[in-house]
């Protein structure tokens, strides 16, 4: 069973519908006991880092997430769910994350390209994936595939080896990570059409 954590913030139903369309048994749950029993776990997220982390703590989800990952069971973080894996974020001050991976989350700076185009923040819309390390999420996904982003902050991992894909938006940033059973993406696979469905299907097949 794939369990999507419902902590009051996130794109839950669209992720659920995409997985159901692919034929996977999926449950959206706000019950930490159900989260503990998940075969595969998804942490989505939309909103502010501080608020989402607070909801995870208040809802009793931190310990089940950590135990799930320590047990080697597949985990997928989506958008803010990827950022929460890291040690800290600078969004609205300095706030601690789950600390599963070393690194931090910073805001995009306003950038202008060499030909004078202003890159707006948030980074919103379609952009390319550049695959740079093996990840079970990207089996059968072509280099340069387009996926859908909506975010103002991005992660800076301390361990370069965890970076599975990057994307260029004035600067080259980490758009997906993979370490053992931990996978995550800054983009929204559930909004990324056929490429996104392929990525979710790959996650559903992870052992």
N, C-alpha and C. Protein backbone atom coordinates (compact mmCIF):
# COMPACT_ATOMS: atom_id res chain seq x y z
N UNK A 1 0.84 -1.20 0.00
CA UNK A 1 0.00 0.00 0.00
C UNK A 1 0.87 1.26 0.00
N UNK A 2 0.58 2.19 -0.89
CA UNK A 2 1.21 3.50 -0.89
C UNK A 2 0.39 4.42 0.01
N UNK A 3 1.04 5.05 0.98
CA UNK A 3 0.36 5.99 1.87
C UNK A 3 0.86 7.40 1.59
N UNK A 4 -0.07 8.31 1.37
CA UNK A 4 0.23 9.73 1.21
C UNK A 4 -0.09 10.41 2.53
N UNK A 5 0.89 11.08 3.12
CA UNK A 5 0.70 11.70 4.43
C UNK A 5 -0.17 12.95 4.30
N UNK A 6 -1.27 12.96 5.03
CA UNK A 6 -2.17 14.12 5.07
C UNK A 6 -1.92 14.88 6.37
N UNK A 7 -1.12 15.93 6.28
CA UNK A 7 -0.85 16.75 7.47
C UNK A 7 -1.45 18.15 7.30
N UNK A 8 -2.43 18.24 6.40
CA UNK A 8 -3.17 19.49 6.26
C UNK A 8 -2.62 20.45 5.24
N UNK A 9 -1.50 20.10 4.58
CA UNK A 9 -0.90 20.97 3.58
C UNK A 9 -0.32 20.09 2.48
N UNK A 10 -0.81 20.26 1.26
CA UNK A 10 -0.23 19.47 0.18
C UNK A 10 -1.22 19.17 -0.92
N UNK A 11 -0.67 18.75 -2.04
CA UNK A 11 -1.44 18.43 -3.23
C UNK A 11 -1.86 16.96 -3.19
N UNK A 12 -2.66 16.61 -2.18
CA UNK A 12 -2.92 15.20 -1.87
C UNK A 12 -3.76 14.51 -2.93
N UNK A 13 -4.89 15.10 -3.27
CA UNK A 13 -5.86 14.40 -4.12
C UNK A 13 -5.34 14.20 -5.53
N UNK A 14 -4.59 15.17 -6.06
CA UNK A 14 -4.07 15.01 -7.41
C UNK A 14 -3.02 13.90 -7.47
N UNK A 15 -2.22 13.78 -6.41
CA UNK A 15 -1.25 12.68 -6.34
C UNK A 15 -1.99 11.36 -6.21
N UNK A 16 -2.99 11.33 -5.35
CA UNK A 16 -3.78 10.11 -5.17
C UNK A 16 -4.42 9.66 -6.49
N UNK A 17 -5.05 10.59 -7.19
CA UNK A 17 -5.72 10.23 -8.44
C UNK A 17 -4.75 9.73 -9.49
N UNK A 18 -3.56 10.34 -9.56
CA UNK A 18 -2.56 9.89 -10.52
C UNK A 18 -2.13 8.45 -10.24
N UNK A 19 -1.91 8.13 -8.96
CA UNK A 19 -1.50 6.78 -8.59
C UNK A 19 -2.62 5.77 -8.83
N UNK A 20 -3.85 6.17 -8.53
CA UNK A 20 -4.98 5.27 -8.79
C UNK A 20 -5.15 5.02 -10.28
N UNK A 21 -4.92 6.04 -11.07
CA UNK A 21 -4.98 5.88 -12.53
C UNK A 21 -3.95 4.85 -13.01
N UNK A 22 -2.84 4.77 -12.32
CA UNK A 22 -1.79 3.81 -12.66
C UNK A 22 -2.07 2.42 -12.10
N UNK A 23 -3.10 2.31 -11.26
CA UNK A 23 -3.50 1.01 -10.75
C UNK A 23 -2.92 0.62 -9.40
N UNK A 24 -2.32 1.58 -8.69
CA UNK A 24 -1.72 1.28 -7.40
C UNK A 24 -2.74 1.44 -6.26
N UNK A 25 -2.71 0.55 -5.27
CA UNK A 25 -3.50 0.78 -4.06
C UNK A 25 -2.89 1.94 -3.28
N UNK A 26 -3.71 2.93 -2.96
CA UNK A 26 -3.18 4.14 -2.32
C UNK A 26 -4.16 4.63 -1.27
N UNK A 27 -3.60 5.17 -0.19
CA UNK A 27 -4.39 5.66 0.93
C UNK A 27 -3.86 7.03 1.34
N UNK A 28 -4.75 8.00 1.48
CA UNK A 28 -4.39 9.30 2.06
C UNK A 28 -4.75 9.25 3.53
N UNK A 29 -3.77 9.49 4.41
CA UNK A 29 -4.04 9.30 5.84
C UNK A 29 -3.40 10.37 6.71
N UNK A 30 -4.16 10.78 7.74
CA UNK A 30 -3.66 11.67 8.78
C UNK A 30 -3.38 10.91 10.06
N UNK A 31 -3.35 9.58 9.98
CA UNK A 31 -3.15 8.72 11.14
C UNK A 31 -1.71 8.20 11.16
N UNK A 32 -0.90 8.61 12.14
CA UNK A 32 0.49 8.14 12.20
C UNK A 32 0.62 6.62 12.23
N UNK A 33 -0.35 5.91 12.80
CA UNK A 33 -0.28 4.45 12.84
C UNK A 33 -0.38 3.85 11.44
N UNK A 34 -1.22 4.44 10.59
CA UNK A 34 -1.31 3.97 9.21
C UNK A 34 -0.03 4.31 8.45
N UNK A 35 0.52 5.49 8.72
CA UNK A 35 1.79 5.88 8.10
C UNK A 35 2.88 4.87 8.46
N UNK A 36 2.89 4.41 9.70
CA UNK A 36 3.89 3.43 10.14
C UNK A 36 3.82 2.12 9.35
N UNK A 37 2.63 1.77 8.89
CA UNK A 37 2.44 0.49 8.22
C UNK A 37 2.59 0.56 6.70
N UNK A 38 2.93 1.73 6.19
CA UNK A 38 3.01 1.91 4.74
C UNK A 38 4.13 1.08 4.13
N UNK A 39 3.86 0.51 2.97
CA UNK A 39 4.92 -0.14 2.19
C UNK A 39 5.76 0.91 1.47
N UNK A 40 5.07 1.93 0.97
CA UNK A 40 5.72 3.06 0.30
C UNK A 40 5.06 4.33 0.84
N UNK A 41 5.87 5.36 1.03
CA UNK A 41 5.38 6.56 1.70
C UNK A 41 5.66 7.79 0.83
N UNK A 42 4.65 8.65 0.71
CA UNK A 42 4.80 9.90 -0.04
C UNK A 42 4.53 11.08 0.90
N UNK A 43 5.48 12.03 0.89
CA UNK A 43 5.33 13.28 1.65
C UNK A 43 5.20 14.42 0.64
N UNK A 44 3.97 14.88 0.38
CA UNK A 44 3.79 16.03 -0.51
C UNK A 44 3.94 17.31 0.30
N UNK A 45 3.82 18.44 -0.36
CA UNK A 45 3.90 19.68 0.40
C UNK A 45 3.70 20.91 -0.45
N UNK A 46 2.83 21.80 0.01
CA UNK A 46 2.62 23.11 -0.60
C UNK A 46 2.46 24.09 0.54
N UNK A 47 3.20 25.21 0.48
CA UNK A 47 3.08 26.20 1.54
C UNK A 47 4.44 26.58 2.09
N UNK A 48 4.46 27.08 3.31
CA UNK A 48 5.69 27.54 3.95
C UNK A 48 6.37 26.41 4.71
N UNK A 49 7.69 26.36 4.62
CA UNK A 49 8.50 25.33 5.27
C UNK A 49 8.20 25.25 6.76
N UNK A 50 8.22 26.39 7.42
CA UNK A 50 7.99 26.44 8.88
C UNK A 50 6.64 25.83 9.25
N UNK A 51 5.60 26.21 8.52
CA UNK A 51 4.26 25.72 8.83
C UNK A 51 4.14 24.22 8.59
N UNK A 52 4.71 23.75 7.48
CA UNK A 52 4.64 22.32 7.17
C UNK A 52 5.39 21.50 8.20
N UNK A 53 6.58 21.96 8.59
CA UNK A 53 7.35 21.23 9.59
C UNK A 53 6.60 21.21 10.91
N UNK A 54 5.96 22.32 11.26
CA UNK A 54 5.16 22.36 12.48
C UNK A 54 4.02 21.37 12.46
N UNK A 55 3.36 21.24 11.31
CA UNK A 55 2.26 20.28 11.18
C UNK A 55 2.75 18.84 11.31
N UNK A 56 3.92 18.56 10.76
CA UNK A 56 4.47 17.20 10.89
C UNK A 56 4.75 16.86 12.35
N UNK A 57 5.30 17.82 13.08
CA UNK A 57 5.60 17.60 14.50
C UNK A 57 4.30 17.43 15.28
N UNK A 58 3.37 18.36 15.10
CA UNK A 58 2.11 18.32 15.85
C UNK A 58 1.29 17.08 15.54
N UNK A 59 1.36 16.61 14.29
CA UNK A 59 0.58 15.45 13.89
C UNK A 59 1.20 14.12 14.27
N UNK A 60 2.41 14.15 14.83
CA UNK A 60 3.08 12.92 15.22
C UNK A 60 3.65 12.12 14.06
N UNK A 61 4.01 12.83 12.97
CA UNK A 61 4.48 12.14 11.77
C UNK A 61 5.99 11.99 11.67
N UNK A 62 6.74 12.75 12.45
CA UNK A 62 8.20 12.74 12.30
C UNK A 62 8.77 11.35 12.59
N UNK A 63 8.39 10.77 13.72
CA UNK A 63 8.93 9.44 14.08
C UNK A 63 8.56 8.37 13.05
N UNK A 64 7.30 8.29 12.58
CA UNK A 64 6.97 7.29 11.55
C UNK A 64 7.74 7.49 10.24
N UNK A 65 7.97 8.75 9.85
CA UNK A 65 8.75 9.01 8.64
C UNK A 65 10.18 8.50 8.81
N UNK A 66 10.79 8.83 9.94
CA UNK A 66 12.17 8.41 10.19
C UNK A 66 12.28 6.89 10.25
N UNK A 67 11.33 6.23 10.91
CA UNK A 67 11.35 4.77 11.00
C UNK A 67 11.15 4.12 9.63
N UNK A 68 10.29 4.67 8.83
CA UNK A 68 10.03 4.16 7.48
C UNK A 68 11.32 4.19 6.66
N UNK A 69 12.00 5.31 6.71
CA UNK A 69 13.24 5.45 5.94
C UNK A 69 14.33 4.55 6.48
N UNK A 70 14.46 4.48 7.80
CA UNK A 70 15.47 3.61 8.41
C UNK A 70 15.23 2.14 8.08
N UNK A 71 13.97 1.77 7.88
CA UNK A 71 13.63 0.38 7.54
C UNK A 71 13.92 0.05 6.08
N UNK A 72 14.30 1.05 5.30
CA UNK A 72 14.65 0.81 3.91
C UNK A 72 13.47 0.75 2.96
N UNK A 73 12.31 1.21 3.41
CA UNK A 73 11.13 1.18 2.55
C UNK A 73 11.10 2.44 1.66
N UNK A 74 10.57 2.32 0.44
CA UNK A 74 10.61 3.43 -0.51
C UNK A 74 9.88 4.68 0.00
N UNK A 75 10.51 5.82 -0.22
CA UNK A 75 9.99 7.12 0.22
C UNK A 75 10.11 8.11 -0.93
N UNK A 76 9.06 8.92 -1.11
CA UNK A 76 9.07 9.97 -2.13
C UNK A 76 8.61 11.29 -1.52
N UNK A 77 9.46 12.30 -1.62
CA UNK A 77 9.07 13.66 -1.24
C UNK A 77 8.77 14.47 -2.49
N UNK A 78 7.70 15.25 -2.45
CA UNK A 78 7.29 16.06 -3.60
C UNK A 78 7.27 17.53 -3.21
N UNK A 79 7.97 18.35 -4.00
CA UNK A 79 8.03 19.80 -3.84
C UNK A 79 8.54 20.15 -2.43
N UNK A 80 7.71 20.75 -1.58
CA UNK A 80 8.14 21.06 -0.22
C UNK A 80 8.50 19.79 0.54
N UNK A 81 7.89 18.68 0.16
CA UNK A 81 8.24 17.39 0.78
C UNK A 81 9.68 17.00 0.55
N UNK A 82 10.28 17.47 -0.55
CA UNK A 82 11.71 17.27 -0.77
C UNK A 82 12.52 18.20 0.12
N UNK A 83 12.11 19.46 0.20
CA UNK A 83 12.85 20.43 1.00
C UNK A 83 12.88 20.04 2.48
N UNK A 84 11.79 19.49 2.98
CA UNK A 84 11.70 19.12 4.40
C UNK A 84 12.68 18.03 4.80
N UNK A 85 13.21 17.29 3.83
CA UNK A 85 14.19 16.25 4.14
C UNK A 85 15.50 16.82 4.64
N UNK A 86 15.76 18.09 4.35
CA UNK A 86 17.06 18.68 4.63
C UNK A 86 17.10 19.34 6.02
N UNK A 87 18.30 19.77 6.39
CA UNK A 87 18.53 20.21 7.77
C UNK A 87 17.82 21.50 8.12
N UNK A 88 17.81 22.48 7.19
CA UNK A 88 17.22 23.76 7.55
C UNK A 88 16.82 24.55 6.31
N UNK A 89 15.94 25.54 6.55
CA UNK A 89 15.49 26.43 5.49
C UNK A 89 15.59 27.87 5.96
N UNK A 90 15.81 28.77 5.01
CA UNK A 90 15.87 30.19 5.34
C UNK A 90 14.52 30.88 5.09
N UNK A 91 13.47 30.11 4.77
CA UNK A 91 12.17 30.71 4.47
C UNK A 91 11.55 31.32 5.73
N UNK A 92 11.30 32.64 5.71
CA UNK A 92 10.72 33.36 6.86
C UNK A 92 11.54 33.14 8.13
N UNK A 93 12.86 33.26 8.01
CA UNK A 93 13.74 33.02 9.15
C UNK A 93 14.52 31.74 8.94
N UNK A 94 15.06 31.24 10.02
CA UNK A 94 15.85 30.00 9.95
C UNK A 94 15.08 28.91 10.69
N UNK A 95 14.76 27.83 9.98
CA UNK A 95 13.91 26.79 10.55
C UNK A 95 14.49 25.41 10.26
N UNK A 96 14.41 24.54 11.26
CA UNK A 96 14.96 23.20 11.13
C UNK A 96 13.98 22.30 10.38
N UNK A 97 14.56 21.43 9.53
CA UNK A 97 13.78 20.44 8.83
C UNK A 97 13.92 19.08 9.49
N UNK A 98 13.61 18.03 8.75
CA UNK A 98 13.72 16.68 9.29
C UNK A 98 15.17 16.27 9.51
N UNK A 99 16.10 16.88 8.78
CA UNK A 99 17.52 16.59 8.97
C UNK A 99 17.94 15.21 8.50
N UNK A 100 17.18 14.62 7.60
CA UNK A 100 17.52 13.30 7.07
C UNK A 100 18.71 13.40 6.13
N UNK A 101 18.79 14.51 5.41
CA UNK A 101 19.91 14.77 4.50
C UNK A 101 20.57 16.09 4.89
N UNK A 102 21.91 16.15 4.85
CA UNK A 102 22.58 17.41 5.16
C UNK A 102 22.42 18.40 4.00
N UNK A 103 22.15 19.63 4.35
CA UNK A 103 21.97 20.66 3.33
C UNK A 103 20.95 21.68 3.79
N UNK A 104 20.70 22.67 2.94
CA UNK A 104 19.80 23.75 3.33
C UNK A 104 18.92 24.16 2.15
N UNK A 105 17.92 24.95 2.47
CA UNK A 105 16.96 25.41 1.47
C UNK A 105 17.04 26.93 1.41
N UNK A 106 17.26 27.47 0.21
CA UNK A 106 17.39 28.92 0.06
C UNK A 106 16.45 29.43 -1.03
N UNK A 107 16.20 30.72 -1.01
CA UNK A 107 15.31 31.35 -1.98
C UNK A 107 16.05 31.63 -3.29
N UNK A 108 15.34 31.50 -4.40
CA UNK A 108 15.88 31.97 -5.67
C UNK A 108 16.13 33.46 -5.60
N UNK A 109 17.26 33.90 -6.14
CA UNK A 109 17.52 35.33 -6.28
C UNK A 109 16.95 35.77 -7.63
N UNK A 110 16.52 37.02 -7.71
CA UNK A 110 16.02 37.53 -8.98
C UNK A 110 17.18 37.53 -9.97
N UNK A 111 17.00 36.87 -11.10
CA UNK A 111 18.08 36.73 -12.07
C UNK A 111 17.65 37.31 -13.42
N UNK A 112 18.65 37.73 -14.18
CA UNK A 112 18.43 38.16 -15.56
C UNK A 112 19.37 37.36 -16.45
N UNK A 113 18.83 36.77 -17.51
CA UNK A 113 19.65 35.95 -18.40
C UNK A 113 20.59 36.82 -19.21
N UNK A 114 21.53 36.17 -19.92
CA UNK A 114 22.51 36.89 -20.73
C UNK A 114 21.85 37.73 -21.82
N UNK A 115 20.67 37.31 -22.28
CA UNK A 115 19.98 38.09 -23.31
C UNK A 115 18.93 39.04 -22.73
N UNK A 116 19.02 39.29 -21.41
CA UNK A 116 18.21 40.33 -20.80
C UNK A 116 16.83 39.93 -20.34
N UNK A 117 16.53 38.64 -20.31
CA UNK A 117 15.22 38.17 -19.86
C UNK A 117 15.22 38.03 -18.34
N UNK A 118 14.25 38.69 -17.69
CA UNK A 118 14.15 38.61 -16.23
C UNK A 118 13.44 37.33 -15.82
N UNK A 119 14.08 36.56 -14.97
CA UNK A 119 13.51 35.31 -14.48
C UNK A 119 12.74 35.59 -13.19
N UNK A 120 11.45 35.36 -13.23
CA UNK A 120 10.60 35.71 -12.10
C UNK A 120 10.63 34.64 -11.02
N UNK A 121 10.37 35.08 -9.80
CA UNK A 121 10.22 34.19 -8.65
C UNK A 121 8.79 34.37 -8.14
N UNK A 122 8.02 33.28 -8.01
CA UNK A 122 8.44 31.88 -8.05
C UNK A 122 8.75 31.37 -9.46
N UNK A 123 9.55 30.33 -9.48
CA UNK A 123 9.79 29.55 -10.70
C UNK A 123 8.53 28.74 -10.95
N UNK A 124 7.79 29.09 -11.99
CA UNK A 124 6.49 28.46 -12.22
C UNK A 124 6.35 28.09 -13.69
N UNK A 125 6.03 26.82 -13.94
CA UNK A 125 5.80 26.36 -15.30
C UNK A 125 6.69 25.17 -15.65
N UNK A 126 6.79 24.93 -16.95
CA UNK A 126 7.52 23.76 -17.44
C UNK A 126 9.00 24.06 -17.59
N UNK A 127 9.83 23.10 -17.21
CA UNK A 127 11.27 23.23 -17.38
C UNK A 127 11.87 21.84 -17.53
N UNK A 128 13.11 21.81 -17.99
CA UNK A 128 13.75 20.54 -18.34
C UNK A 128 14.46 19.89 -17.15
N UNK A 129 14.46 18.57 -17.17
CA UNK A 129 15.26 17.77 -16.25
C UNK A 129 16.57 17.37 -16.92
N UNK A 130 17.66 17.56 -16.22
CA UNK A 130 18.95 17.07 -16.69
C UNK A 130 19.40 15.98 -15.72
N UNK A 131 19.39 14.76 -16.20
CA UNK A 131 19.66 13.60 -15.34
C UNK A 131 21.16 13.46 -15.14
N UNK A 132 21.58 13.37 -13.87
CA UNK A 132 23.01 13.36 -13.60
C UNK A 132 23.47 12.20 -12.73
N UNK A 133 22.55 11.37 -12.26
CA UNK A 133 22.92 10.19 -11.47
C UNK A 133 21.77 9.20 -11.55
N UNK A 134 22.07 7.91 -11.39
CA UNK A 134 21.00 6.91 -11.47
C UNK A 134 19.95 7.12 -10.37
N UNK A 135 18.70 6.98 -10.74
CA UNK A 135 17.60 7.04 -9.79
C UNK A 135 16.48 6.15 -10.30
N UNK A 136 15.89 5.34 -9.42
CA UNK A 136 14.77 4.50 -9.87
C UNK A 136 13.59 5.31 -10.39
N UNK A 137 13.49 6.57 -9.98
CA UNK A 137 12.39 7.41 -10.47
C UNK A 137 12.47 7.64 -11.97
N UNK A 138 13.68 7.65 -12.52
CA UNK A 138 13.87 8.09 -13.90
C UNK A 138 14.11 6.95 -14.88
N UNK A 139 13.81 5.74 -14.48
CA UNK A 139 13.95 4.62 -15.42
C UNK A 139 13.00 4.84 -16.60
N UNK A 140 13.56 4.91 -17.80
CA UNK A 140 12.75 5.12 -18.99
C UNK A 140 12.38 6.57 -19.26
N UNK A 141 12.86 7.50 -18.43
CA UNK A 141 12.61 8.93 -18.64
C UNK A 141 13.76 9.52 -19.45
N UNK A 142 13.44 10.23 -20.51
CA UNK A 142 14.47 10.76 -21.39
C UNK A 142 15.14 12.00 -20.80
N UNK A 143 16.43 12.11 -21.08
CA UNK A 143 17.18 13.32 -20.73
C UNK A 143 16.49 14.53 -21.37
N UNK A 144 16.37 15.60 -20.60
CA UNK A 144 15.76 16.82 -21.12
C UNK A 144 14.25 16.84 -21.09
N UNK A 145 13.64 15.84 -20.46
CA UNK A 145 12.17 15.82 -20.37
C UNK A 145 11.66 17.03 -19.59
N UNK A 146 10.48 17.50 -19.98
CA UNK A 146 9.87 18.64 -19.30
C UNK A 146 8.98 18.17 -18.15
N UNK A 147 9.08 18.87 -17.02
CA UNK A 147 8.23 18.62 -15.86
C UNK A 147 7.75 19.97 -15.34
N UNK A 148 6.77 19.93 -14.42
CA UNK A 148 6.11 21.16 -13.99
C UNK A 148 6.55 21.59 -12.59
N UNK A 149 6.96 22.86 -12.48
CA UNK A 149 7.47 23.42 -11.22
C UNK A 149 6.58 24.56 -10.73
N UNK A 150 6.48 24.68 -9.40
CA UNK A 150 5.94 25.88 -8.74
C UNK A 150 6.68 26.02 -7.42
N UNK A 151 7.70 26.88 -7.36
CA UNK A 151 8.45 27.03 -6.10
C UNK A 151 9.30 28.30 -6.14
N UNK A 152 9.57 28.82 -4.95
CA UNK A 152 10.42 29.99 -4.78
C UNK A 152 11.75 29.65 -4.10
N UNK A 153 11.84 28.45 -3.54
CA UNK A 153 13.02 28.01 -2.80
C UNK A 153 13.56 26.73 -3.42
N UNK A 154 14.86 26.50 -3.25
CA UNK A 154 15.46 25.28 -3.78
C UNK A 154 16.50 24.75 -2.80
N UNK A 155 16.80 23.48 -2.91
CA UNK A 155 17.72 22.84 -1.95
C UNK A 155 19.16 22.95 -2.43
N UNK A 156 20.06 23.03 -1.47
CA UNK A 156 21.50 22.92 -1.73
C UNK A 156 22.01 21.76 -0.88
N UNK A 157 22.08 20.56 -1.45
CA UNK A 157 22.57 19.41 -0.68
C UNK A 157 24.07 19.53 -0.41
N UNK A 158 24.48 19.08 0.77
CA UNK A 158 25.91 19.04 1.06
C UNK A 158 26.59 17.88 0.36
N UNK A 159 25.83 16.81 0.13
CA UNK A 159 26.38 15.63 -0.54
C UNK A 159 26.01 15.68 -2.02
N UNK A 160 26.99 15.94 -2.87
CA UNK A 160 26.72 16.04 -4.30
C UNK A 160 26.18 14.73 -4.87
N UNK A 161 26.56 13.62 -4.25
CA UNK A 161 26.16 12.30 -4.76
C UNK A 161 24.66 12.06 -4.70
N UNK A 162 23.92 12.81 -3.88
CA UNK A 162 22.47 12.58 -3.78
C UNK A 162 21.70 13.27 -4.91
N UNK A 163 22.34 14.14 -5.66
CA UNK A 163 21.66 14.89 -6.72
C UNK A 163 21.42 13.97 -7.91
N UNK A 164 20.14 13.70 -8.19
CA UNK A 164 19.78 12.81 -9.30
C UNK A 164 19.45 13.58 -10.57
N UNK A 165 18.99 14.82 -10.42
CA UNK A 165 18.66 15.65 -11.58
C UNK A 165 18.81 17.12 -11.22
N UNK A 166 19.13 17.91 -12.22
CA UNK A 166 19.21 19.36 -12.06
C UNK A 166 18.33 20.04 -13.10
N UNK A 167 18.07 21.31 -12.86
CA UNK A 167 17.28 22.12 -13.79
C UNK A 167 17.89 23.51 -13.82
N UNK A 168 17.85 24.15 -14.97
CA UNK A 168 18.45 25.47 -15.15
C UNK A 168 17.36 26.54 -15.11
N UNK A 169 17.47 27.45 -14.14
CA UNK A 169 16.58 28.61 -14.07
C UNK A 169 17.40 29.82 -13.63
N UNK A 170 18.26 30.28 -14.55
CA UNK A 170 19.20 31.34 -14.20
C UNK A 170 20.41 30.79 -13.49
N UNK A 171 20.18 29.81 -12.64
CA UNK A 171 21.24 29.02 -12.03
C UNK A 171 20.81 27.55 -12.15
N UNK A 172 21.78 26.68 -12.05
CA UNK A 172 21.49 25.24 -12.10
C UNK A 172 21.21 24.78 -10.68
N UNK A 173 19.99 24.30 -10.43
CA UNK A 173 19.63 23.88 -9.08
C UNK A 173 19.25 22.40 -9.07
N UNK A 174 19.29 21.82 -7.88
CA UNK A 174 18.94 20.41 -7.69
C UNK A 174 17.42 20.26 -7.77
N UNK A 175 16.95 19.47 -8.75
CA UNK A 175 15.51 19.29 -8.91
C UNK A 175 15.04 17.89 -8.54
N UNK A 176 15.97 16.99 -8.21
CA UNK A 176 15.59 15.67 -7.70
C UNK A 176 16.77 15.07 -6.96
N UNK A 177 16.46 14.30 -5.92
CA UNK A 177 17.51 13.62 -5.17
C UNK A 177 17.19 12.14 -5.06
N UNK A 178 18.24 11.37 -4.85
CA UNK A 178 18.08 9.94 -4.62
C UNK A 178 19.23 9.47 -3.73
N UNK A 179 18.87 8.81 -2.64
CA UNK A 179 19.86 8.18 -1.77
C UNK A 179 19.24 6.92 -1.19
N UNK A 180 19.74 5.77 -1.63
CA UNK A 180 19.20 4.49 -1.18
C UNK A 180 17.69 4.43 -1.45
N UNK A 181 16.88 4.29 -0.43
CA UNK A 181 15.42 4.20 -0.60
C UNK A 181 14.73 5.56 -0.61
N UNK A 182 15.51 6.63 -0.46
CA UNK A 182 14.94 7.99 -0.41
C UNK A 182 14.98 8.61 -1.80
N UNK A 183 13.81 8.99 -2.31
CA UNK A 183 13.74 9.74 -3.56
C UNK A 183 12.89 10.98 -3.31
N UNK A 184 13.14 12.01 -4.10
CA UNK A 184 12.34 13.23 -3.96
C UNK A 184 12.51 14.08 -5.21
N UNK A 185 11.51 14.91 -5.46
CA UNK A 185 11.57 15.80 -6.61
C UNK A 185 10.99 17.16 -6.25
N UNK A 186 11.64 18.21 -6.74
CA UNK A 186 11.16 19.57 -6.50
C UNK A 186 9.94 19.87 -7.36
N UNK A 187 9.85 19.25 -8.51
CA UNK A 187 8.72 19.44 -9.42
C UNK A 187 7.53 18.59 -8.97
N UNK A 188 6.40 18.78 -9.66
CA UNK A 188 5.18 18.05 -9.34
C UNK A 188 4.94 16.95 -10.38
N UNK A 189 5.25 15.70 -10.07
CA UNK A 189 5.02 14.64 -11.06
C UNK A 189 3.54 14.49 -11.42
N UNK A 190 2.67 14.73 -10.45
CA UNK A 190 1.23 14.58 -10.70
C UNK A 190 0.68 15.63 -11.65
N UNK A 191 1.47 16.69 -11.92
CA UNK A 191 1.07 17.73 -12.87
C UNK A 191 1.91 17.69 -14.14
N UNK A 192 2.77 16.69 -14.25
CA UNK A 192 3.75 16.64 -15.34
C UNK A 192 3.38 15.67 -16.45
N UNK A 193 2.11 15.44 -16.63
CA UNK A 193 1.56 14.65 -17.73
C UNK A 193 2.22 13.27 -17.83
N UNK A 194 2.56 12.83 -19.03
CA UNK A 194 3.04 11.46 -19.21
C UNK A 194 4.38 11.21 -18.52
N UNK A 195 5.26 12.21 -18.53
CA UNK A 195 6.54 12.06 -17.84
C UNK A 195 6.31 11.87 -16.35
N UNK A 196 5.41 12.67 -15.79
CA UNK A 196 5.11 12.55 -14.36
C UNK A 196 4.49 11.22 -14.00
N UNK A 197 3.60 10.73 -14.86
CA UNK A 197 3.00 9.41 -14.60
C UNK A 197 4.05 8.32 -14.65
N UNK A 198 5.01 8.45 -15.56
CA UNK A 198 6.10 7.47 -15.63
C UNK A 198 6.91 7.48 -14.34
N UNK A 199 7.18 8.67 -13.82
CA UNK A 199 7.95 8.79 -12.58
C UNK A 199 7.18 8.18 -11.40
N UNK A 200 5.89 8.47 -11.30
CA UNK A 200 5.08 7.88 -10.23
C UNK A 200 4.97 6.37 -10.38
N UNK A 201 4.87 5.91 -11.61
CA UNK A 201 4.83 4.46 -11.85
C UNK A 201 6.13 3.80 -11.41
N UNK A 202 7.24 4.47 -11.69
CA UNK A 202 8.54 3.94 -11.25
C UNK A 202 8.62 3.86 -9.73
N UNK A 203 8.11 4.91 -9.05
CA UNK A 203 8.11 4.87 -7.59
C UNK A 203 7.25 3.72 -7.08
N UNK A 204 6.09 3.54 -7.67
CA UNK A 204 5.20 2.47 -7.25
C UNK A 204 5.80 1.09 -7.42
N UNK A 205 6.78 0.97 -8.31
CA UNK A 205 7.44 -0.31 -8.54
C UNK A 205 8.72 -0.51 -7.75
N UNK A 206 9.12 0.51 -6.96
CA UNK A 206 10.35 0.38 -6.17
C UNK A 206 10.21 -0.70 -5.11
N UNK A 207 11.30 -1.43 -4.88
CA UNK A 207 11.32 -2.49 -3.85
C UNK A 207 12.01 -1.98 -2.59
